[in-house]
Each structure stands twice: as C-alpha cells, then as structure tokens.
Amino acid sequence: MIIYVFFFAHWYLSLFTQSFFYHRYSAHGMFLMSKTTEKVFFVLSWLFQGSSYLSPWAYGVMHRMHHAYADTPLDPHSPLYDHNLWNMMWKTKNIYNSIFYKKADFTQNFYKNLPIWTAMDKFADSWANRLFWVFLYITFYVIFATHWYQYLLLPIHFVMGPFHGAIINWFAHKYGYVNNKVNDTSKNLMAPDILMWGESYHNNHHKFPSSPNFGRRWFEIDPMYPIILILDKIGLIKLVR
C-alpha cells in the first residue's frame, strides 16, 4: 500500500509545481509573486520533481513556443509532426536542452519575465543530482515494495515531469472533446480532471491562454484554480486581473 501512496504523492506533487509554478506562473504570468516566494517554489520543484527537474525559465520559453507555433513544424511537440509518442518526447528533450544550454537563439519575446535562479538550475540539472534521486527512489522500493510488479512504476518516477507533459502534448492533441474553435488540434482530454490538476482542459487553455481557470463548463472543475484564489487571498501571490 505504501508504494502506491508514494507513487501518487510524487505524481500530484510533481504535477502541482509544473502546473502552478512552471505553466501558469513562469510561462503565462497569470499571477505575480515575490522573489523570496519564487525561490521557495524553485526548491519545492526540486523536491517534488526530483530526477526529472526542469528549469522553470527553459520550460517557459518552450511552452510559449508551443502556443505561438501550435501544430506547425516549429511546435516543440505536436502529434502532427512526430511519428509516435516516444519520438515526440525525444524531440521535446532535444529542444529543451537547446534552450537550457543556449544552443539556439529563439525570439526574445519568449524570454520576457521568466523566473531565473542560475545556481539552482545548475545544481538540479546535474547528473549527480538526478542520479541521487534515482538512488532514493530505488532504495524506497527495495525497502517497501511487496510485489515484483510494483517496480514497473519506477521508470515513471525517473521521468515524472516529462511523462506528465507527454500525456497532455500527445493525447490532448489527439483524443477528447472540443469546446472552442482554435487554430490547432488541442482537445479537452478528460472531465472532470482528477489526474492532471486541470491541465487536461487543453482546448480551453489554448482558447483562453491567460485565464487561471482552465475549466469552462459546469462539469469542468480545475482543482488548481481554488488554490490560486486562496494564495491570492492570503497575499502569497497576486493575480493579474
């Protein structure tokens, strides 16, 4: 039982930082936060994402590219231009690396107002750090796993962040329903969204990219939105209205 609790805790906590801090804050600037609060979320991202830590600013650049070039050859991840899910994930990794290591020069508009903590990114992106987290995951499973098939969950722990991204960037452009007419293939993957912190309302998000509430219809509940409202109410963040 403890293995499944650990897995879902890692799933939701990793996804929380990716949705709240990387996507809604870094890429879209839906709300503001102080530099101190920003650094707290850098550390939380490292703790929750572990071996799959991504740089918030590099993620922000890549996600802005996705919106600007959705379902075109310049899109960092589109099912229309990748033969399969694994090909798309590998292409996305290479584009992310080219951004993070500054091997490519993208439009400067993509770099505006991004959270940057170079020392943290350098530490968290190191192979020593990633292998440290992999060792911790394996050790936890060795101690607490009760069946051999539970070890099949380990590879997801190793790449949790990119795994979440692949679910949305592949499946939410191929399957689901459409609320809004947009110039791409984005769809709402599931409703209510109890697995992806509201991220699966992808068609809604592409239609209203600056809205902090990804749900639009009565049955589309975005579990992240109430958290944003609470944090805004107590002054930890400030919604951009």
Protein backbone atom coordinates (compact mmCIF):
# COMPACT_ATOMS: atom_id res chain seq x y z
CA MET A 1 0.00 0.00 0.00
CA ILE A 2 2.81 2.41 0.89
CA ILE A 3 4.25 2.13 -2.62
CA TYR A 4 1.01 3.34 -4.18
CA VAL A 5 0.73 6.20 -1.69
CA PHE A 6 4.30 7.20 -2.53
CA PHE A 7 3.65 6.98 -6.27
CA PHE A 8 0.54 9.14 -6.23
CA ALA A 9 2.14 11.62 -3.84
CA HIS A 10 5.01 12.01 -6.30
CA TRP A 11 2.55 12.19 -9.21
CA TYR A 12 0.43 15.01 -7.76
CA LEU A 13 3.19 16.99 -6.05
CA SER A 14 5.41 16.97 -9.15
CA LEU A 15 2.46 17.93 -11.31
CA PHE A 16 1.47 20.69 -8.86
CA THR A 17 4.79 22.52 -9.27
CA GLN A 18 4.72 22.00 -13.02
CA SER A 19 1.17 23.31 -13.41
CA PHE A 20 1.26 26.09 -10.81
CA PHE A 21 4.86 27.34 -10.97
CA TYR A 22 6.10 26.40 -14.43
CA HIS A 23 2.99 26.63 -16.56
CA ARG A 24 0.68 29.21 -15.01
CA TYR A 25 3.34 31.41 -13.41
CA SER A 26 6.50 31.13 -15.49
CA ALA A 27 5.11 30.58 -18.99
CA HIS A 28 1.92 32.65 -18.75
CA GLY A 29 2.44 35.09 -15.88
CA MET A 30 -1.12 34.61 -14.63
CA PHE A 31 -0.05 35.89 -11.21
CA LEU A 32 2.89 37.60 -9.52
CA MET A 33 4.97 36.53 -6.54
CA SER A 34 7.91 37.94 -4.60
CA LYS A 35 11.47 36.80 -5.31
CA THR A 36 11.51 35.02 -1.96
CA THR A 37 8.33 33.09 -2.75
CA GLU A 38 9.72 32.36 -6.20
CA LYS A 39 12.81 30.76 -4.66
CA VAL A 40 10.62 28.70 -2.33
CA PHE A 41 8.88 27.25 -5.38
CA PHE A 42 12.22 26.57 -7.04
CA VAL A 43 13.14 24.42 -4.02
CA LEU A 44 9.71 22.75 -3.95
CA SER A 45 10.09 21.96 -7.65
CA TRP A 46 13.41 20.28 -6.92
CA LEU A 47 11.93 18.29 -4.04
CA PHE A 48 8.75 17.24 -5.84
CA GLN A 49 10.13 16.63 -9.35
CA GLY A 50 13.35 15.02 -8.18
CA SER A 51 15.28 13.37 -11.01
CA SER A 52 13.04 14.95 -13.66
CA TYR A 53 13.57 18.56 -12.51
CA LEU A 54 13.18 21.09 -15.31
CA SER A 55 14.33 24.69 -15.39
CA PRO A 56 11.26 26.95 -14.98
CA TRP A 57 12.60 29.55 -17.40
CA ALA A 58 13.54 26.99 -20.08
CA TYR A 59 10.12 25.36 -19.67
CA GLY A 60 8.54 28.79 -20.01
CA VAL A 61 10.34 29.50 -23.28
CA MET A 62 9.41 26.11 -24.73
CA HIS A 63 5.77 26.40 -23.70
CA ARG A 64 5.49 29.88 -25.21
CA MET A 65 6.85 28.39 -28.43
CA HIS A 66 4.12 25.74 -28.27
CA HIS A 67 1.40 28.39 -28.12
CA ALA A 68 2.99 30.56 -30.80
CA TYR A 69 3.59 27.68 -33.24
CA ALA A 70 0.94 25.14 -32.20
CA ASP A 71 0.71 22.22 -34.64
CA THR A 72 3.22 23.70 -37.09
CA PRO A 73 6.74 22.44 -37.85
CA LEU A 74 8.09 24.91 -35.25
CA ASP A 75 5.97 23.44 -32.44
CA PRO A 76 8.32 21.74 -29.91
CA HIS A 77 5.80 18.92 -29.50
CA SER A 78 2.97 18.09 -31.88
CA PRO A 79 1.46 14.72 -32.84
CA LEU A 80 1.11 16.07 -36.38
CA TYR A 81 4.88 16.15 -36.86
CA ASP A 82 6.04 13.23 -34.73
CA HIS A 83 5.53 9.60 -35.68
CA ASN A 84 4.86 8.36 -32.15
CA LEU A 85 4.84 9.41 -28.51
CA TRP A 86 8.46 8.41 -27.88
CA ASN A 87 9.68 10.32 -30.92
CA MET A 88 7.85 13.42 -29.68
CA MET A 89 9.33 13.08 -26.18
CA TRP A 90 12.85 12.76 -27.58
CA LYS A 91 12.38 15.77 -29.85
CA THR A 92 11.00 17.79 -26.93
CA LYS A 93 14.01 16.82 -24.80
CA ASN A 94 16.41 17.99 -27.50
CA ILE A 95 14.62 21.32 -27.92
CA TYR A 96 14.53 21.82 -24.15
CA ASN A 97 18.28 21.15 -23.96
CA SER A 98 18.96 23.58 -26.81
CA ILE A 99 17.08 26.25 -24.85
CA PHE A 100 18.57 25.45 -21.45
CA TYR A 101 22.16 25.26 -22.72
CA LYS A 102 21.55 28.25 -25.01
CA LYS A 103 22.49 26.39 -28.17
CA ALA A 104 19.70 28.06 -30.13
CA ASP A 105 18.58 31.66 -30.44
CA PHE A 106 14.81 32.00 -30.21
CA THR A 107 12.67 35.12 -30.44
CA GLN A 108 13.48 37.34 -27.47
CA ASN A 109 9.77 37.77 -26.72
CA PHE A 110 9.82 34.21 -25.40
CA TYR A 111 12.32 35.19 -22.67
CA LYS A 112 10.43 38.05 -21.01
CA ASN A 113 9.71 37.98 -17.26
CA LEU A 114 10.85 34.45 -16.58
CA PRO A 115 11.94 33.21 -13.11
CA ILE A 116 15.71 32.66 -13.14
CA TRP A 117 17.89 31.13 -10.41
CA THR A 118 21.01 30.01 -12.26
CA ALA A 119 22.72 28.33 -9.31
CA MET A 120 19.65 26.23 -8.52
CA ASP A 121 19.15 25.21 -12.14
CA LYS A 122 22.82 24.23 -12.46
CA PHE A 123 22.65 22.12 -9.32
CA ALA A 124 19.29 20.47 -10.03
CA ASP A 125 20.15 19.74 -13.68
CA SER A 126 23.41 17.97 -12.80
CA TRP A 127 23.73 14.24 -13.36
CA ALA A 128 24.90 13.83 -9.76
CA ASN A 129 21.61 15.26 -8.51
CA ARG A 130 19.48 13.24 -10.92
CA LEU A 131 21.26 10.00 -10.01
CA PHE A 132 20.89 10.85 -6.32
CA TRP A 133 17.10 10.96 -6.74
CA VAL A 134 17.07 7.76 -8.80
CA PHE A 135 19.01 6.06 -6.00
CA LEU A 136 16.47 7.29 -3.44
CA TYR A 137 13.52 6.01 -5.48
CA ILE A 138 15.09 2.60 -5.96
CA THR A 139 16.02 2.37 -2.27
CA PHE A 140 12.46 3.23 -1.24
CA TYR A 141 11.09 0.48 -3.46
CA VAL A 142 13.61 -2.06 -2.20
CA ILE A 143 12.53 -1.33 1.36
CA PHE A 144 8.76 -1.10 0.88
CA ALA A 145 7.75 -2.95 -2.31
CA THR A 146 5.73 -6.08 -1.63
CA HIS A 147 5.32 -7.39 -5.20
CA TRP A 148 7.67 -7.50 -8.17
CA TYR A 149 5.26 -5.68 -10.46
CA GLN A 150 5.40 -2.57 -8.27
CA TYR A 151 8.91 -2.00 -9.64
CA LEU A 152 7.28 -1.29 -13.01
CA LEU A 153 6.33 2.11 -11.60
CA LEU A 154 9.96 3.11 -11.07
CA PRO A 155 10.65 4.37 -14.64
CA ILE A 156 7.75 6.82 -14.27
CA HIS A 157 9.33 8.22 -11.11
CA PHE A 158 12.57 8.78 -13.03
CA VAL A 159 10.89 10.90 -15.75
CA MET A 160 7.79 12.13 -13.94
CA GLY A 161 7.84 15.69 -15.31
CA PRO A 162 8.30 14.82 -19.00
CA PHE A 163 5.80 11.97 -18.55
CA HIS A 164 3.12 14.44 -17.48
CA GLY A 165 4.00 16.74 -20.36
CA ALA A 166 3.74 13.89 -22.85
CA ILE A 167 0.24 12.97 -21.65
CA ILE A 168 -1.05 16.45 -22.47
CA ASN A 169 1.08 17.26 -25.50
CA TRP A 170 0.32 13.97 -27.23
CA PHE A 171 -3.05 12.65 -26.07
CA ALA A 172 -4.75 16.04 -25.59
CA HIS A 173 -3.99 16.84 -29.22
CA LYS A 174 -5.37 13.51 -30.45
CA TYR A 175 -8.27 12.50 -28.20
CA GLY A 176 -11.04 14.21 -26.28
CA TYR A 177 -13.70 16.81 -26.94
CA VAL A 178 -13.63 20.40 -28.18
CA ASN A 179 -15.38 23.35 -26.57
CA ASN A 180 -13.76 26.12 -28.57
CA LYS A 181 -12.72 26.60 -32.17
CA VAL A 182 -8.97 27.21 -32.31
CA ASN A 183 -6.28 27.03 -34.98
CA ASP A 184 -4.80 23.79 -33.70
CA THR A 185 -5.78 20.28 -32.64
CA SER A 186 -5.96 20.90 -28.87
CA LYS A 187 -8.72 19.00 -27.07
CA ASN A 188 -10.05 18.56 -23.56
CA LEU A 189 -8.79 15.13 -22.59
CA MET A 190 -10.97 14.30 -19.59
CA ALA A 191 -13.70 15.76 -17.38
CA PRO A 192 -13.70 16.09 -14.50
CA ASP A 193 -9.92 16.27 -14.43
CA ILE A 194 -8.86 14.43 -11.30
CA LEU A 195 -5.48 13.27 -12.63
CA MET A 196 -3.80 16.33 -14.17
CA TRP A 197 -4.59 19.32 -11.91
CA GLY A 198 -6.84 20.78 -14.63
CA GLU A 199 -4.14 20.58 -17.30
CA SER A 200 -6.18 18.20 -19.44
CA TYR A 201 -8.60 21.04 -20.34
CA HIS A 202 -6.14 21.78 -23.08
CA ASN A 203 -8.59 23.12 -25.67
CA ASN A 204 -9.95 25.59 -23.12
CA HIS A 205 -6.42 26.70 -22.30
CA HIS A 206 -5.48 27.24 -25.94
CA LYS A 207 -8.59 29.39 -26.40
CA PHE A 208 -8.04 31.40 -23.19
CA PRO A 209 -4.28 31.12 -22.52
CA SER A 210 -4.19 33.90 -19.90
CA SER A 211 -7.08 32.56 -17.79
CA PRO A 212 -6.01 30.94 -14.49
CA ASN A 213 -9.18 28.80 -14.53
CA PHE A 214 -8.83 26.09 -17.16
CA GLY A 215 -12.37 24.81 -16.65
CA ARG A 216 -15.15 26.50 -18.63
CA ARG A 217 -18.25 24.31 -18.42
CA TRP A 218 -20.09 23.34 -15.24
CA PHE A 219 -18.56 19.86 -15.08
CA GLU A 220 -15.02 21.04 -15.86
CA ILE A 221 -13.51 21.50 -12.41
CA ASP A 222 -9.97 22.87 -12.36
CA PRO A 223 -8.63 21.85 -8.92
CA MET A 224 -5.72 24.30 -9.22
CA TYR A 225 -7.95 27.36 -9.53
CA PRO A 226 -9.28 27.39 -5.92
CA ILE A 227 -5.69 27.05 -4.69
CA ILE A 228 -4.69 30.06 -6.78
CA LEU A 229 -7.60 32.06 -5.36
CA ILE A 230 -6.66 31.12 -1.78
CA LEU A 231 -2.99 32.02 -2.27
CA ASP A 232 -4.07 35.32 -3.83
CA LYS A 233 -6.42 35.99 -0.90
CA ILE A 234 -3.72 35.46 1.72
CA GLY A 235 -1.25 37.58 -0.27
CA LEU A 236 1.28 34.89 -1.20
CA ILE A 237 0.65 35.63 -4.89
CA LYS A 238 -1.16 38.40 -6.74
CA LEU A 239 -3.48 37.52 -9.59
CA VAL A 240 -3.04 39.53 -12.77
CA ARG A 241 -6.60 40.61 -13.48
